[in-house]
N, C-alpha and C. Protein backbone atom coordinates (compact mmCIF):
# COMPACT_ATOMS: atom_id res chain seq x y z
N MET A 1 8.24 -42.95 -4.68
CA MET A 1 9.04 -42.49 -3.35
C MET A 1 8.66 -42.97 -2.19
N PRO A 2 9.44 -44.16 -0.94
CA PRO A 2 9.02 -44.69 0.13
C PRO A 2 8.87 -43.03 1.37
N ASP A 3 8.02 -43.66 2.14
CA ASP A 3 7.15 -43.09 2.59
C ASP A 3 8.26 -42.32 3.82
N SER A 4 9.42 -43.06 3.96
CA SER A 4 10.54 -42.58 5.10
C SER A 4 11.23 -41.57 4.24
N ASP A 5 10.80 -40.99 3.02
CA ASP A 5 11.64 -39.36 2.28
C ASP A 5 11.59 -38.65 2.94
N VAL A 6 10.44 -38.03 3.24
CA VAL A 6 9.85 -36.70 2.79
C VAL A 6 10.37 -35.97 4.68
N ALA A 7 10.20 -36.52 5.10
CA ALA A 7 10.36 -36.42 6.92
C ALA A 7 12.91 -35.63 6.56
N PRO A 8 12.81 -36.75 6.53
CA PRO A 8 15.10 -36.87 6.57
C PRO A 8 14.94 -35.52 5.50
N GLN A 9 14.35 -34.96 4.09
CA GLN A 9 14.49 -34.26 3.28
C GLN A 9 14.06 -32.60 3.82
N LEU A 10 13.00 -32.57 4.33
CA LEU A 10 12.51 -31.60 4.55
C LEU A 10 13.08 -31.22 6.35
N ALA A 11 13.41 -30.60 7.51
CA ALA A 11 13.07 -30.05 8.57
C ALA A 11 13.25 -28.23 8.71
N SER A 12 11.77 -28.31 9.81
CA SER A 12 11.32 -27.00 10.12
C SER A 12 12.40 -26.18 11.15
N GLY A 13 12.42 -24.83 10.42
CA GLY A 13 13.39 -23.95 10.50
C GLY A 13 12.55 -22.57 9.91
N ARG A 14 13.52 -21.26 10.11
CA ARG A 14 13.71 -19.97 10.53
C ARG A 14 14.53 -19.84 9.31
N PHE A 15 14.32 -19.03 8.22
CA PHE A 15 15.04 -18.87 6.78
C PHE A 15 14.75 -17.18 6.48
N ASN A 16 15.62 -16.49 5.87
CA ASN A 16 15.15 -14.86 5.26
C ASN A 16 15.19 -15.36 3.72
N VAL A 17 14.24 -15.19 2.86
CA VAL A 17 14.42 -15.61 1.71
C VAL A 17 13.95 -13.90 1.05
N PRO A 18 14.55 -13.87 -0.33
CA PRO A 18 14.54 -12.09 -0.46
C PRO A 18 12.89 -11.55 -1.34
N ALA A 19 12.93 -12.91 -1.09
CA ALA A 19 12.22 -13.67 -3.34
C ALA A 19 10.87 -12.86 -2.58
N PHE A 20 10.77 -12.99 -0.95
CA PHE A 20 9.52 -13.24 -0.35
C PHE A 20 9.16 -11.16 0.42
N GLU A 21 9.67 -10.50 0.06
CA GLU A 21 9.82 -9.23 0.14
C GLU A 21 7.91 -8.55 -0.59
N GLY A 22 8.08 -8.26 0.57
CA GLY A 22 6.58 -7.03 0.67
C GLY A 22 5.50 -8.88 0.86
N VAL A 23 5.75 -10.16 0.82
CA VAL A 23 4.93 -11.17 0.82
C VAL A 23 4.72 -11.55 2.29
N HIS A 24 2.80 -12.30 2.57
CA HIS A 24 3.13 -12.16 3.77
C HIS A 24 1.86 -13.02 3.27
N GLY A 25 1.76 -14.12 4.89
CA GLY A 25 0.53 -14.95 4.82
C GLY A 25 1.32 -17.26 5.39
N SER A 26 0.21 -16.96 5.20
CA SER A 26 0.84 -19.00 5.76
C SER A 26 -0.60 -19.66 4.24
N ILE A 27 0.74 -21.38 4.39
CA ILE A 27 0.38 -22.08 3.13
C ILE A 27 0.50 -23.12 4.31
N LEU A 28 -0.23 -24.15 3.81
CA LEU A 28 -0.31 -25.47 4.24
C LEU A 28 0.06 -26.42 3.08
N PHE A 29 1.33 -27.40 3.30
CA PHE A 29 1.26 -27.86 1.85
C PHE A 29 0.23 -29.67 2.55
N VAL A 30 -0.49 -29.96 2.73
CA VAL A 30 -1.32 -31.14 3.59
C VAL A 30 -0.95 -32.73 1.99
N GLY A 31 -0.22 -33.76 2.57
CA GLY A 31 -0.09 -34.64 2.21
C GLY A 31 -0.73 -35.53 2.70
N PRO A 32 -0.96 -36.74 1.82
CA PRO A 32 -1.50 -38.21 2.64
C PRO A 32 -1.13 -38.41 4.24
N GLN A 33 0.24 -37.60 4.87
CA GLN A 33 1.42 -38.47 5.43
C GLN A 33 1.73 -36.97 6.38
N ASP A 34 1.61 -35.99 6.05
CA ASP A 34 2.59 -35.22 6.41
C ASP A 34 1.95 -33.55 5.95
N THR A 35 2.05 -33.00 7.27
CA THR A 35 1.04 -31.64 6.79
C THR A 35 2.27 -30.41 7.18
N TRP A 36 2.55 -29.89 5.89
CA TRP A 36 4.14 -28.75 6.58
C TRP A 36 3.06 -28.18 5.85
N ARG A 37 3.91 -26.90 7.08
CA ARG A 37 3.16 -25.31 7.59
C ARG A 37 4.05 -24.28 6.69
N VAL A 38 3.87 -23.12 5.84
CA VAL A 38 5.17 -21.98 5.52
C VAL A 38 4.22 -20.94 5.85
N GLU A 39 4.70 -19.89 7.24
CA GLU A 39 4.36 -18.71 7.28
C GLU A 39 5.15 -17.97 7.13
N ILE A 40 5.01 -16.81 6.42
CA ILE A 40 5.84 -15.48 6.06
C ILE A 40 5.06 -14.80 6.15
N ASP A 41 6.18 -13.66 6.59
CA ASP A 41 6.08 -11.82 7.03
C ASP A 41 6.80 -11.88 6.48
N ASP A 42 6.97 -10.53 5.49
CA ASP A 42 8.46 -10.61 4.19
C ASP A 42 8.95 -11.38 3.41
N GLN A 43 10.17 -11.18 4.25
CA GLN A 43 11.39 -12.01 3.99
C GLN A 43 11.88 -12.56 4.92
N ASP A 44 10.68 -13.13 6.47
CA ASP A 44 11.31 -13.83 7.53
C ASP A 44 10.16 -15.32 6.84
N VAL A 45 10.98 -16.22 7.05
CA VAL A 45 9.92 -17.82 6.22
C VAL A 45 9.93 -18.17 7.69
N THR A 46 8.88 -19.14 8.55
CA THR A 46 9.09 -20.11 9.05
C THR A 46 8.37 -21.31 8.15
N LEU A 47 9.55 -22.61 8.65
CA LEU A 47 8.45 -24.04 7.66
C LEU A 47 8.56 -24.92 8.69
N SER A 48 7.08 -25.42 8.97
CA SER A 48 7.10 -26.25 10.12
C SER A 48 6.10 -27.59 9.55
N GLU A 49 6.23 -28.79 10.94
CA GLU A 49 5.90 -30.28 10.29
C GLU A 49 3.78 -29.02 11.05
N GLY A 50 3.05 -29.66 10.40
CA GLY A 50 2.01 -28.95 11.18
C GLY A 50 0.40 -28.62 10.80
N ASP A 51 -0.34 -27.73 11.68
CA ASP A 51 -1.61 -28.31 10.64
C ASP A 51 -2.15 -26.68 11.50
N GLY A 52 -3.07 -26.29 10.64
CA GLY A 52 -4.37 -25.01 11.57
C GLY A 52 -4.22 -24.17 10.20
N ALA A 53 -5.02 -23.21 11.03
CA ALA A 53 -5.91 -22.17 9.82
C ALA A 53 -4.70 -21.54 9.02
N ALA A 54 -4.76 -21.53 7.88
CA ALA A 54 -3.99 -20.83 6.46
C ALA A 54 -4.21 -20.39 5.70
N ASP A 55 -3.97 -19.31 5.11
CA ASP A 55 -4.94 -18.69 3.85
C ASP A 55 -4.61 -19.98 2.28
N CYS A 56 -3.75 -20.86 2.99
CA CYS A 56 -3.65 -21.00 1.08
C CYS A 56 -3.62 -22.85 2.07
N VAL A 57 -4.19 -23.58 0.78
CA VAL A 57 -3.87 -24.70 1.64
C VAL A 57 -3.58 -25.83 0.02
N LEU A 58 -2.53 -26.46 -0.46
CA LEU A 58 -2.00 -26.71 -1.23
C LEU A 58 -1.84 -28.53 -0.70
N SER A 59 -3.17 -29.23 -1.73
CA SER A 59 -3.74 -30.49 -1.21
C SER A 59 -2.78 -31.16 -1.90
N CYS A 60 -1.82 -32.59 -1.67
CA CYS A 60 -1.36 -33.42 -2.61
C CYS A 60 -2.19 -35.09 -2.41
N LYS A 61 -2.05 -35.36 -4.07
CA LYS A 61 -2.75 -37.06 -3.09
C LYS A 61 -1.56 -38.11 -2.71
N GLU A 62 -0.83 -37.57 -3.99
CA GLU A 62 0.44 -38.68 -3.42
C GLU A 62 1.43 -37.71 -1.86
N ARG A 63 2.55 -38.34 -2.22
CA ARG A 63 3.06 -38.35 -0.66
C ARG A 63 4.35 -37.58 -1.21
N GLY A 64 5.32 -37.97 -2.28
CA GLY A 64 6.61 -37.88 -3.20
C GLY A 64 5.82 -36.58 -3.83
N ASP A 65 4.57 -36.02 -4.28
CA ASP A 65 3.73 -35.06 -5.20
C ASP A 65 4.17 -33.54 -3.87
N LEU A 66 4.39 -33.79 -2.62
CA LEU A 66 3.93 -33.08 -1.31
C LEU A 66 5.94 -32.11 -1.29
N LEU A 67 6.86 -33.78 -1.34
CA LEU A 67 8.38 -33.00 -1.50
C LEU A 67 8.85 -32.36 -2.59
N ARG A 68 8.09 -32.82 -3.68
CA ARG A 68 8.47 -31.89 -4.80
C ARG A 68 7.69 -31.19 -5.19
N LEU A 69 6.80 -30.37 -4.41
CA LEU A 69 7.09 -29.40 -4.44
C LEU A 69 7.03 -27.82 -3.44
N VAL A 70 7.56 -28.88 -2.67
CA VAL A 70 8.09 -27.84 -1.35
C VAL A 70 9.08 -27.63 -2.25
N ARG A 71 10.13 -29.05 -2.50
CA ARG A 71 11.52 -28.51 -2.73
C ARG A 71 11.62 -27.70 -3.64
N GLY A 72 10.48 -27.34 -5.02
CA GLY A 72 10.25 -26.77 -6.68
C GLY A 72 10.47 -27.40 -7.39
N GLU A 73 10.80 -29.11 -6.85
CA GLU A 73 10.70 -29.56 -8.71
C GLU A 73 9.74 -30.01 -8.82
N GLN A 74 8.95 -29.66 -8.59
CA GLN A 74 7.35 -29.89 -9.29
C GLN A 74 6.53 -28.57 -9.98
N ASN A 75 6.58 -28.33 -10.82
CA ASN A 75 5.71 -27.26 -11.35
C ASN A 75 4.38 -26.41 -10.44
N LEU A 76 4.12 -25.40 -9.63
CA LEU A 76 2.80 -25.77 -9.64
C LEU A 76 1.47 -25.83 -10.40
N VAL A 77 1.92 -24.87 -11.44
CA VAL A 77 0.84 -24.62 -12.64
C VAL A 77 0.13 -25.93 -12.91
N THR A 78 0.78 -26.44 -13.45
CA THR A 78 1.84 -27.98 -14.11
C THR A 78 0.87 -29.05 -12.97
N ALA A 79 1.06 -28.70 -11.82
CA ALA A 79 0.63 -30.19 -11.04
C ALA A 79 -0.23 -29.90 -10.91
N LEU A 80 -1.34 -28.30 -10.81
CA LEU A 80 -2.34 -28.20 -10.21
C LEU A 80 -3.84 -28.97 -12.26
N LEU A 81 -2.58 -28.18 -13.47
CA LEU A 81 -3.88 -29.24 -14.11
C LEU A 81 -3.39 -30.46 -14.70
N GLN A 82 -2.24 -31.01 -13.83
CA GLN A 82 -2.76 -33.07 -13.93
C GLN A 82 -3.71 -33.04 -13.41
N GLY A 83 -3.52 -32.30 -12.14
CA GLY A 83 -4.98 -32.58 -10.96
C GLY A 83 -3.75 -33.35 -10.23
N ARG A 84 -2.54 -33.37 -9.80
CA ARG A 84 -1.33 -33.99 -8.56
C ARG A 84 -2.32 -33.16 -7.37
N ILE A 85 -2.44 -31.76 -7.07
CA ILE A 85 -2.58 -30.85 -6.14
C ILE A 85 -3.66 -30.12 -6.28
N THR A 86 -4.31 -29.75 -5.60
CA THR A 86 -6.08 -28.60 -5.37
C THR A 86 -5.32 -27.75 -4.22
N VAL A 87 -6.09 -26.79 -4.77
CA VAL A 87 -5.74 -25.14 -3.90
C VAL A 87 -6.80 -24.97 -3.74
N GLU A 88 -6.96 -24.39 -1.52
CA GLU A 88 -8.02 -23.43 -1.25
C GLU A 88 -7.63 -22.60 -1.15
N GLY A 89 -8.35 -21.56 -0.75
CA GLY A 89 -8.09 -20.59 -0.63
C GLY A 89 -7.12 -18.99 -1.70
N ASP A 90 -6.21 -18.30 -0.64
CA ASP A 90 -5.56 -17.51 -1.39
C ASP A 90 -4.33 -18.02 -2.68
N ALA A 91 -4.43 -18.63 -3.88
CA ALA A 91 -4.48 -19.10 -4.92
C ALA A 91 -3.09 -18.29 -5.30
N MET A 92 -3.53 -16.68 -5.15
CA MET A 92 -2.23 -15.96 -6.01
C MET A 92 -1.01 -16.16 -4.88
N LEU A 93 -1.29 -16.40 -3.46
CA LEU A 93 -0.46 -16.32 -2.47
C LEU A 93 0.89 -17.71 -3.00
N ALA A 94 -0.47 -18.99 -3.32
CA ALA A 94 0.69 -20.46 -4.13
C ALA A 94 1.60 -19.41 -4.97
N VAL A 95 0.67 -19.20 -5.89
CA VAL A 95 1.94 -18.61 -7.03
C VAL A 95 2.96 -18.14 -7.10
N GLN A 96 2.89 -16.53 -5.84
CA GLN A 96 3.97 -16.34 -5.00
C GLN A 96 4.70 -17.20 -5.00
N VAL A 97 4.51 -18.00 -3.84
CA VAL A 97 5.88 -18.69 -3.12
C VAL A 97 6.08 -19.92 -4.24
N ALA A 98 5.82 -20.47 -4.94
CA ALA A 98 6.26 -21.37 -5.29
C ALA A 98 7.01 -21.33 -6.27
N GLY A 99 7.93 -20.48 -7.20
CA GLY A 99 9.21 -20.09 -7.20
C GLY A 99 10.09 -20.50 -6.53
N SER A 100 10.24 -19.96 -5.33
CA SER A 100 10.99 -19.73 -3.98
C SER A 100 11.31 -21.33 -3.15
N MET A 101 9.68 -21.61 -3.45
CA MET A 101 10.44 -23.06 -2.00
C MET A 101 11.90 -23.86 -1.91
N PRO A 102 12.47 -23.98 -3.47
CA PRO A 102 13.93 -24.16 -3.24
C PRO A 102 14.49 -24.59 -2.57
N THR A 103 14.58 -22.80 -1.97
CA THR A 103 14.81 -22.35 -1.06
C THR A 103 15.41 -22.57 0.02
N LEU A 104 13.54 -23.12 0.15
CA LEU A 104 13.13 -23.53 2.06
C LEU A 104 14.14 -25.25 2.34
N ALA A 105 13.83 -25.74 0.96
CA ALA A 105 14.83 -27.29 1.30
C ALA A 105 16.06 -27.29 1.17
N ALA A 106 16.75 -26.52 1.17
CA ALA A 106 18.22 -26.76 0.48
C ALA A 106 18.83 -26.20 2.19
N PRO A 107 19.71 -26.63 2.74
CA PRO A 107 20.11 -26.66 4.46
C PRO A 107 21.01 -25.17 4.33
N GLU A 108 21.17 -25.20 2.31
CA GLU A 108 23.26 -24.26 2.60
C GLU A 108 22.45 -22.86 3.27
N ASP A 109 20.27 -22.87 2.40
CA ASP A 109 20.57 -21.62 2.69
C ASP A 109 19.18 -20.59 3.77
N ARG A 110 19.00 -21.58 4.71
CA ARG A 110 18.68 -21.89 5.80
C ARG A 110 19.47 -20.47 7.07
N ALA A 111 18.50 -19.68 7.41
CA ALA A 111 18.56 -18.90 8.36
C ALA A 111 20.14 -17.81 8.23
N GLN A 112 19.39 -17.17 7.18
CA GLN A 112 20.55 -16.33 6.10
C GLN A 112 20.10 -15.36 6.94
N GLY A 113 21.67 -14.19 7.42
CA GLY A 113 20.92 -12.88 8.31
C GLY A 113 20.48 -12.91 9.75
N GLY A 114 20.92 -14.36 10.44
CA GLY A 114 20.99 -14.78 11.62
C GLY A 114 20.33 -15.07 12.95
N HIS A 115 19.08 -15.61 10.95
CA HIS A 115 17.30 -15.69 11.98
C HIS A 115 17.33 -17.07 12.28
C-alpha cells in the first residue's frame, strides 16, 4: 500500500458509536509514519492524528497494517498472533474497541446524533 493511502482514508473527527456504551479510555494506533489517537468516553469517540499518553498502544510494523486495523479489515487477535502488531497497556480495551473500528473509518457514520 503506498504511503499516501493512509491519510486520505482516515480523517479526524467526532463520532457517536453505540457499541462503545460504557467504554472509557484512549488508544494510540502507531505505524511507521502515522499515529492515530482514539479517545473514548462512553459512546462519544474522537479520532485524531497525534500521540501522547494512552491507556493502550497498538503498534504496527507496516503502514498498511495500521490502516487495515483502524478500518476493521484486519482482525486484532489474528494480527497479534501473526506478530503484525504489538499491544502495550490495556489489552482488554483494544479488544473491546477492535470490532467497531470500521465505524470510525466510514464517513457516512460520522457525527451521529449531532456531535
